[in-house]
Amino acid sequence: MTLTLLSDDGRTTRVPLAEGATFAAPTEPLRTRVAYAAAHVVPLAWADNTPGRPAAIDWDATLDFRRSVYSWGLGVADAMDTAQRNMGLDAAATRELIIRSARVAREEGGSVVVGVNTDHVDDELITLAQVVDAYKEQLHVAEEHGAGPVLMASRHLARAAGGADDYRRVYREVLASATVPVVLHWLGPAFDPTLRGYFGSDDWRLAADVLVEVIEENREVVAGVKMSLLDADAEVSVRERLPDGVRMFTGDDFNYVGLIGGADAPDVPQPERDPRSSRTHSDALLGAFAAITPVASAAIRALDEGDPATYARLLGPTEALSRHIFAAPTYFYKTGVAFLAWLNGHQPAFQMVGGLHSARSLPHLSRIVELANEARALENPDLAAARWRDLLTLNGVDA
């Protein structure tokens, strides 16, 4: 069987369809890495999920996807940017997603963390005190329902802050009210241009100083930090400065193979690190892992078994796929994640809340198909090929 691929100039070519990978679901927890897949949401295909409308979610498909992630031994990071926070997922839907996802985690015995932000506040400009109150409101919802909080970067704070001291003040006050361990999230401007200069500087080194100060001041409640700057050197630099007991969760969808493998995978290209440091690798909290969950699970289990060659062989090819999904404009990466979920049978239609499924071109999607085929990320290749063929035909392409 073959796949029809579509180039930027409209020409079609055919390539062989790879056989499906025969990964077995794990029978015990992953040991050497903590890994979360940042999950997307599935809309009701027949509902009015057009731009600006409240999200109408297919809860069965959305929650079944999370159950699938748990079956592969990964945790779920929910209600974060992959779930279209600030890009179609409104405040009411976000709150309901957190409640429902936390319930599924309890049922499945899985680990769930959820985004805590200020985005339920409609006004664009609010005071620092109001930023603190908004953060606390969402923080307590996560705590109430037993989900681990991920303190996301706030657009409100980015607008209101006059400098680094304002970030220190807000994080200090919010973290003082936390009753469970919290993960901080540093989201770079490639994902959200509004967040340029977060932590008080456009220079990541100066911003990192503020982040590390916040963590050191609140080390009893900060469990980790998720770095999403798409800069592996910056991540390693911050990772080596973290206090004992604080994890670095890579959010680098361009360079995760080397960052996660670390010293346990010496043949995998990775940033230079201080060999004297006890920080030998990053854990994972990645939108990419929602697109390649079975492959990611098998690769980390290879590390568990002391087999870095298999880790590199499995996970290495997925990085080209991820780099394409997260290509500029990076904030449209959610379209690629949902597209692969549809190809892999996790949702009935290629639809997204806010109409975001239209954010990438057919040739862009074709390249996702090609790279997913090469990386063995098509869970059911025959289904994926049939669905892709139907989408091409629908758009007037002879498949």
Protein backbone atom coordinates (compact mmCIF):
# COMPACT_ATOMS: atom_id res chain seq x y z
CA MET A 1 0.00 0.00 0.00
CA THR A 2 1.21 3.53 -0.71
CA LEU A 3 0.75 7.04 0.61
CA THR A 4 0.07 9.97 -1.69
CA LEU A 5 2.12 13.03 -0.75
CA LEU A 6 1.41 16.60 -1.83
CA SER A 7 4.17 19.15 -2.46
CA ASP A 8 3.98 22.92 -2.06
CA ASP A 9 3.54 23.32 -5.82
CA GLY A 10 0.62 20.88 -5.96
CA ARG A 11 2.45 17.89 -7.39
CA THR A 12 1.75 14.45 -5.96
CA THR A 13 4.13 11.55 -5.36
CA ARG A 14 3.66 8.13 -3.82
CA VAL A 15 5.76 6.45 -1.13
CA PRO A 16 5.43 3.03 0.50
CA LEU A 17 3.28 2.80 3.62
CA ALA A 18 5.43 1.49 6.48
CA GLU A 19 4.22 -1.38 8.58
CA GLY A 20 2.76 -0.47 11.95
CA ALA A 21 5.07 -0.65 14.95
CA THR A 22 4.30 -3.50 17.33
CA PHE A 23 4.86 -1.76 20.65
CA ALA A 24 3.50 -3.48 23.73
CA ALA A 25 1.90 -1.40 26.46
CA PRO A 26 4.02 -1.36 29.64
CA THR A 27 3.14 -3.63 32.53
CA GLU A 28 4.92 -1.50 35.14
CA PRO A 29 5.55 2.24 35.63
CA LEU A 30 8.36 3.99 33.77
CA ARG A 31 11.38 4.22 36.07
CA THR A 32 14.14 6.47 34.78
CA ARG A 33 12.11 9.42 33.50
CA VAL A 34 8.93 11.23 34.46
CA ALA A 35 7.02 11.92 31.25
CA TYR A 36 3.79 13.79 30.57
CA ALA A 37 2.01 14.17 27.25
CA ALA A 38 0.34 17.57 26.93
CA ALA A 39 -3.03 16.53 25.55
CA HIS A 40 -5.36 18.27 23.11
CA VAL A 41 -9.16 18.46 23.14
CA VAL A 42 -11.55 16.88 20.65
CA PRO A 43 -14.54 19.00 19.55
CA LEU A 44 -18.02 17.87 18.68
CA ALA A 45 -17.72 17.77 14.90
CA TRP A 46 -21.30 18.92 14.32
CA ALA A 47 -21.18 21.82 16.82
CA ASP A 48 -20.51 25.51 16.22
CA ASN A 49 -16.81 25.42 17.03
CA THR A 50 -16.09 28.44 14.85
CA PRO A 51 -13.67 31.23 15.83
CA GLY A 52 -14.89 33.17 18.85
CA ARG A 53 -17.55 30.66 19.89
CA PRO A 54 -17.50 28.76 23.20
CA ALA A 55 -15.84 25.37 22.87
CA ALA A 56 -18.21 22.43 22.39
CA ILE A 57 -16.16 19.39 23.36
CA ASP A 58 -16.62 15.71 22.55
CA TRP A 59 -15.99 14.55 26.10
CA ASP A 60 -16.00 10.85 25.28
CA ALA A 61 -13.25 11.16 22.66
CA THR A 62 -11.30 13.73 24.68
CA LEU A 63 -11.21 11.61 27.81
CA ASP A 64 -10.62 8.35 25.92
CA PHE A 65 -7.49 9.93 24.49
CA ARG A 66 -6.26 10.55 28.03
CA ARG A 67 -7.00 6.94 28.95
CA SER A 68 -4.89 5.89 25.98
CA VAL A 69 -1.98 8.02 27.22
CA TYR A 70 -2.21 6.41 30.66
CA SER A 71 -2.23 2.95 29.10
CA TRP A 72 1.24 3.68 27.71
CA GLY A 73 2.62 4.64 31.12
CA LEU A 74 2.81 8.40 30.54
CA GLY A 75 1.12 11.07 32.61
CA VAL A 76 -1.24 13.68 31.18
CA ALA A 77 -0.61 17.42 31.22
CA ASP A 78 -4.02 18.95 30.68
CA ALA A 79 -5.65 22.32 30.11
CA MET A 80 -2.36 23.73 28.82
CA ASP A 81 -1.45 25.35 25.52
CA THR A 82 -1.84 22.05 23.63
CA ALA A 83 -5.48 22.04 24.75
CA GLN A 84 -5.81 25.46 23.05
CA ARG A 85 -5.69 27.70 26.09
CA ASN A 86 -6.07 31.24 24.73
CA MET A 87 -6.72 29.75 21.26
CA GLY A 88 -10.29 28.46 21.39
CA LEU A 89 -10.68 26.82 24.81
CA ASP A 90 -12.77 29.23 26.87
CA ALA A 91 -12.75 29.54 30.66
CA ALA A 92 -15.86 27.43 31.29
CA ALA A 93 -14.59 24.60 29.07
CA THR A 94 -11.15 24.79 30.72
CA ARG A 95 -12.63 24.39 34.19
CA GLU A 96 -14.78 21.45 33.11
CA LEU A 97 -11.79 19.84 31.37
CA ILE A 98 -9.76 20.03 34.58
CA ILE A 99 -12.54 18.48 36.64
CA ARG A 100 -13.23 15.67 34.17
CA SER A 101 -9.57 14.95 33.45
CA ALA A 102 -8.73 14.73 37.16
CA ARG A 103 -11.57 12.24 37.59
CA VAL A 104 -10.24 10.07 34.75
CA ALA A 105 -6.75 10.17 36.28
CA ARG A 106 -8.15 8.81 39.54
CA GLU A 107 -10.05 6.10 37.69
CA GLU A 108 -7.00 5.05 35.66
CA GLY A 109 -4.43 5.46 38.40
CA GLY A 110 -2.57 7.97 36.24
CA SER A 111 -0.73 11.17 37.05
CA VAL A 112 -2.28 14.43 35.87
CA VAL A 113 -1.07 18.01 36.04
CA VAL A 114 -3.16 20.93 34.80
CA GLY A 115 -2.55 24.47 33.70
CA VAL A 116 -3.18 27.30 36.14
CA ASN A 117 -3.43 30.72 34.53
CA THR A 118 -5.30 34.03 34.70
CA ASP A 119 -7.14 33.67 31.40
CA HIS A 120 -10.64 33.52 32.89
CA VAL A 121 -10.36 37.30 33.42
CA ASP A 122 -11.84 39.09 30.41
CA ASP A 123 -10.10 42.44 30.87
CA GLU A 124 -6.74 42.59 29.10
CA LEU A 125 -5.26 45.10 31.55
CA ILE A 126 -5.47 44.31 35.26
CA THR A 127 -3.34 45.17 38.29
CA LEU A 128 -0.68 42.94 39.79
CA ALA A 129 -2.96 42.31 42.77
CA GLN A 130 -5.68 41.14 40.41
CA VAL A 131 -3.17 38.88 38.64
CA VAL A 132 -2.37 37.26 41.98
CA ASP A 133 -6.06 36.78 42.79
CA ALA A 134 -6.76 35.29 39.35
CA TYR A 135 -3.88 32.84 39.66
CA LYS A 136 -5.03 31.81 43.15
CA GLU A 137 -8.58 31.19 41.93
CA GLN A 138 -7.45 28.68 39.31
CA LEU A 139 -4.81 27.22 41.62
CA HIS A 140 -7.40 26.31 44.18
CA VAL A 141 -9.61 24.66 41.54
CA ALA A 142 -6.71 22.37 40.57
CA GLU A 143 -5.99 21.59 44.22
CA GLU A 144 -9.64 20.96 45.01
CA HIS A 145 -9.88 18.30 42.31
CA GLY A 146 -6.58 16.58 43.05
CA ALA A 147 -4.67 17.70 39.96
CA GLY A 148 -1.06 18.87 40.14
CA PRO A 149 -0.85 22.59 39.26
CA VAL A 150 1.36 23.92 36.48
CA LEU A 151 1.67 27.68 36.95
CA MET A 152 1.55 28.86 33.36
CA ALA A 153 2.97 32.11 32.06
CA SER A 154 0.26 34.78 32.24
CA ARG A 155 -0.45 37.29 29.50
CA HIS A 156 -1.97 39.54 32.16
CA LEU A 157 1.26 39.47 34.15
CA ALA A 158 3.35 40.11 31.03
CA ARG A 159 1.28 43.25 30.36
CA ALA A 160 1.17 44.49 33.96
CA ALA A 161 4.75 43.83 35.05
CA GLY A 162 7.11 46.79 35.03
CA GLY A 163 10.18 44.67 35.60
CA ALA A 164 11.68 41.64 37.29
CA ASP A 165 10.57 42.68 40.79
CA ASP A 166 6.92 42.47 39.74
CA TYR A 167 7.42 38.86 38.63
CA ARG A 168 9.12 38.06 41.92
CA ARG A 169 6.23 39.61 43.84
CA VAL A 170 3.45 37.84 41.94
CA TYR A 171 5.07 34.39 42.04
CA ARG A 172 5.97 34.81 45.71
CA GLU A 173 2.37 35.62 46.65
CA VAL A 174 0.81 32.90 44.50
CA LEU A 175 3.20 30.18 45.63
CA ALA A 176 2.67 31.16 49.26
CA SER A 177 -0.94 30.08 48.89
CA ALA A 178 -0.19 26.69 47.28
CA THR A 179 -0.99 23.60 49.37
CA VAL A 180 0.52 21.04 46.95
CA PRO A 181 3.74 20.99 44.87
CA VAL A 182 3.65 23.24 41.82
CA VAL A 183 5.45 23.14 38.45
CA LEU A 184 6.38 26.50 36.91
CA HIS A 185 6.10 26.97 33.14
CA TRP A 186 8.33 29.30 31.14
CA LEU A 187 6.70 29.59 27.74
CA GLY A 188 8.75 31.39 25.10
CA PRO A 189 7.52 33.94 22.55
CA ALA A 190 7.62 31.39 19.71
CA PHE A 191 4.57 29.84 21.37
CA ASP A 192 2.98 33.13 22.44
CA PRO A 193 4.45 36.47 21.25
CA THR A 194 2.59 38.24 24.08
CA LEU A 195 5.01 36.63 26.53
CA ARG A 196 8.14 38.26 25.13
CA GLY A 197 10.31 39.52 27.97
CA TYR A 198 8.73 37.23 30.55
CA PHE A 199 10.46 37.25 33.94
CA GLY A 200 11.53 40.80 33.18
CA SER A 201 13.97 40.54 30.27
CA ASP A 202 14.33 39.60 26.60
CA ASP A 203 17.72 38.13 27.52
CA TRP A 204 17.04 34.55 28.65
CA ARG A 205 20.07 34.64 30.95
CA LEU A 206 18.71 37.58 32.95
CA ALA A 207 15.20 36.11 32.92
CA ALA A 208 16.63 32.79 34.12
CA ASP A 209 18.19 34.55 37.11
CA VAL A 210 14.73 35.68 38.18
CA LEU A 211 13.20 32.24 37.61
CA VAL A 212 15.91 30.52 39.66
CA GLU A 213 15.52 33.10 42.45
CA VAL A 214 11.79 32.40 42.57
CA ILE A 215 12.42 28.66 42.75
CA GLU A 216 15.09 28.93 45.42
CA GLU A 217 12.88 31.17 47.54
CA ASN A 218 9.99 28.70 47.24
CA ARG A 219 11.80 25.37 46.95
CA GLU A 220 9.48 23.70 49.48
CA VAL A 221 6.53 24.07 47.10
CA VAL A 222 8.14 24.12 43.60
CA ALA A 223 8.38 20.56 42.26
CA GLY A 224 9.77 21.47 38.87
CA VAL A 225 9.94 23.83 35.94
CA LYS A 226 8.88 23.25 32.35
CA MET A 227 11.09 25.09 29.87
CA SER A 228 9.54 25.86 26.48
CA LEU A 229 12.06 28.22 24.88
CA LEU A 230 13.10 25.85 22.05
CA ASP A 231 16.68 26.53 23.15
CA ALA A 232 18.48 23.44 24.43
CA ASP A 233 21.49 25.37 25.74
CA ALA A 234 19.22 27.62 27.81
CA GLU A 235 17.44 24.60 29.25
CA VAL A 236 20.66 22.85 30.26
CA SER A 237 21.98 26.07 31.81
CA VAL A 238 18.88 26.46 33.98
CA ARG A 239 18.71 22.73 34.72
CA GLU A 240 22.18 22.77 36.24
CA ARG A 241 21.18 25.63 38.57
CA LEU A 242 18.04 24.06 40.00
CA PRO A 243 17.95 23.21 43.71
CA ASP A 244 17.99 19.56 44.71
CA GLY A 245 14.58 17.96 44.33
CA VAL A 246 13.35 20.35 41.61
CA ARG A 247 12.89 18.62 38.25
CA MET A 248 13.52 20.08 34.83
CA PHE A 249 10.67 19.09 32.50
CA THR A 250 11.69 19.72 28.93
CA GLY A 251 9.11 21.51 26.86
CA ASP A 252 11.56 21.72 23.95
CA ASP A 253 9.76 20.05 21.07
CA PHE A 254 12.82 20.63 18.84
CA ASN A 255 15.54 19.01 20.97
CA TYR A 256 13.91 16.58 23.37
CA VAL A 257 15.77 13.44 22.28
CA GLY A 258 19.13 14.64 23.60
CA LEU A 259 17.67 16.50 26.58
CA ILE A 260 15.74 13.48 27.84
CA GLY A 261 18.45 10.97 26.98
CA GLY A 262 21.18 13.00 28.62
CA ALA A 263 24.14 11.13 30.02
CA ASP A 264 22.26 7.84 29.68
CA ALA A 265 22.37 8.18 25.88
CA PRO A 266 25.92 9.39 25.19
CA ASP A 267 25.72 8.78 21.43
CA VAL A 268 22.70 11.07 21.00
CA PRO A 269 23.63 14.65 20.03
CA GLN A 270 22.89 16.99 22.93
CA PRO A 271 23.95 20.36 24.32
CA GLU A 272 27.19 20.69 26.18
CA ARG A 273 26.74 20.29 29.91
CA ASP A 274 28.99 20.52 32.93
CA PRO A 275 30.27 16.96 33.50
CA ARG A 276 30.55 17.77 37.23
CA SER A 277 26.82 18.43 37.47
CA SER A 278 24.54 15.81 38.98
CA ARG A 279 21.85 17.00 36.56
CA THR A 280 22.29 14.48 33.77
CA HIS A 281 18.96 14.69 31.95
CA SER A 282 15.58 16.40 31.68
CA ASP A 283 12.23 14.80 32.33
CA ALA A 284 9.43 15.49 29.85
CA LEU A 285 6.25 17.53 29.58
CA LEU A 286 5.68 17.77 25.85
CA GLY A 287 2.94 18.43 23.34
CA ALA A 288 4.97 16.27 20.98
CA PHE A 289 4.39 13.26 23.22
CA ALA A 290 0.64 13.55 22.61
CA ALA A 291 1.41 12.93 18.94
CA ILE A 292 3.83 10.02 19.45
CA THR A 293 2.74 8.46 22.76
CA PRO A 294 3.43 4.77 21.95
CA VAL A 295 6.86 5.57 20.48
CA ALA A 296 7.78 7.80 23.44
CA SER A 297 6.71 5.09 25.88
CA ALA A 298 8.78 2.41 24.14
CA ALA A 299 11.82 4.68 23.94
CA ILE A 300 11.77 5.57 27.64
CA ARG A 301 11.32 1.91 28.53
CA ALA A 302 14.49 1.25 26.53
CA LEU A 303 16.30 3.71 28.80
CA ASP A 304 14.81 1.90 31.79
CA GLU A 305 16.39 -1.28 30.46
CA GLY A 306 19.79 0.33 29.90
CA ASP A 307 19.45 0.24 26.10
CA PRO A 308 20.32 3.73 24.79
CA ALA A 309 20.75 2.45 21.22
CA THR A 310 17.09 1.41 21.05
CA TYR A 311 16.08 4.67 22.70
CA ALA A 312 17.85 6.62 19.96
CA ARG A 313 16.57 4.36 17.19
CA LEU A 314 12.95 4.78 18.29
CA LEU A 315 12.79 8.39 19.45
CA GLY A 316 15.40 9.90 17.15
CA PRO A 317 13.25 9.90 13.97
CA THR A 318 10.33 11.52 15.80
CA GLU A 319 12.27 14.74 16.30
CA ALA A 320 12.05 15.67 12.61
CA LEU A 321 8.31 15.06 12.81
CA SER A 322 8.02 17.23 15.92
CA ARG A 323 10.12 20.02 14.42
CA HIS A 324 7.76 20.12 11.47
CA ILE A 325 4.62 20.06 13.62
CA PHE A 326 6.06 22.93 15.69
CA ALA A 327 7.41 24.91 12.71
CA ALA A 328 6.76 28.66 12.63
CA PRO A 329 4.28 30.01 13.38
CA THR A 330 4.85 27.63 16.28
CA TYR A 331 1.59 28.41 18.10
CA PHE A 332 -0.28 26.57 15.34
CA TYR A 333 1.38 23.27 16.32
CA LYS A 334 -1.92 22.17 17.91
CA THR A 335 -3.25 21.59 14.40
CA GLY A 336 -0.60 18.94 13.75
CA VAL A 337 -1.27 17.22 17.08
CA ALA A 338 -5.01 17.02 16.36
CA PHE A 339 -4.35 15.90 12.78
CA LEU A 340 -2.26 12.96 13.95
CA ALA A 341 -4.87 12.10 16.59
CA TRP A 342 -7.42 11.89 13.78
CA LEU A 343 -5.16 9.82 11.55
CA ASN A 344 -4.53 7.47 14.49
CA GLY A 345 -8.22 6.96 15.20
CA HIS A 346 -8.46 8.99 18.42
CA GLN A 347 -11.16 11.33 17.10
CA PRO A 348 -13.91 10.91 14.53
CA ALA A 349 -13.17 14.01 12.43
CA PHE A 350 -10.29 16.37 11.73
CA GLN A 351 -11.89 19.23 13.62
CA MET A 352 -10.67 21.63 16.34
CA VAL A 353 -12.32 24.16 18.60
CA GLY A 354 -12.06 27.68 17.25
CA GLY A 355 -11.82 26.32 13.71
CA LEU A 356 -8.06 25.88 14.21
CA HIS A 357 -7.90 22.80 11.96
CA SER A 358 -7.64 25.28 9.07
CA ALA A 359 -4.40 26.78 10.43
CA ARG A 360 -2.06 24.55 8.38
CA SER A 361 -1.95 23.90 4.65
CA LEU A 362 -2.45 20.56 2.92
CA PRO A 363 1.25 20.36 1.93
CA HIS A 364 2.17 20.97 5.58
CA LEU A 365 -0.14 18.15 6.64
CA SER A 366 1.29 15.96 3.89
CA ARG A 367 4.76 16.39 5.34
CA ILE A 368 3.38 15.32 8.75
CA VAL A 369 2.04 12.15 7.13
CA GLU A 370 5.38 11.49 5.47
CA LEU A 371 7.43 12.00 8.64
CA ALA A 372 4.99 10.09 10.86
CA ASN A 373 5.20 7.18 8.42
CA GLU A 374 9.01 7.25 8.62
CA ALA A 375 9.00 7.53 12.44
CA ARG A 376 6.52 4.66 12.88
CA ALA A 377 4.14 7.07 14.58
CA LEU A 378 1.07 5.92 12.64
CA GLU A 379 -0.62 3.59 15.10
CA ASN A 380 -2.83 2.00 12.45
CA PRO A 381 -1.17 2.71 9.09
CA ASP A 382 -4.07 1.42 6.98
CA LEU A 383 -6.55 3.67 8.80
CA ALA A 384 -4.21 6.64 8.58
CA ALA A 385 -3.66 6.12 4.86
CA ALA A 386 -7.39 5.83 4.21
CA ARG A 387 -8.21 8.96 6.18
CA TRP A 388 -5.46 10.95 4.48
CA ARG A 389 -6.63 9.77 1.08
CA ASP A 390 -10.18 10.86 1.89
CA LEU A 391 -8.99 14.31 3.00
CA LEU A 392 -7.05 14.78 -0.22
CA THR A 393 -10.02 13.67 -2.30
CA LEU A 394 -12.31 16.05 -0.40
CA ASN A 395 -9.95 18.87 -1.36
CA GLY A 396 -9.84 17.94 -5.03
CA VAL A 397 -6.51 16.15 -5.03
CA ASP A 398 -6.28 12.89 -6.96
CA ALA A 399 -5.10 10.46 -4.27
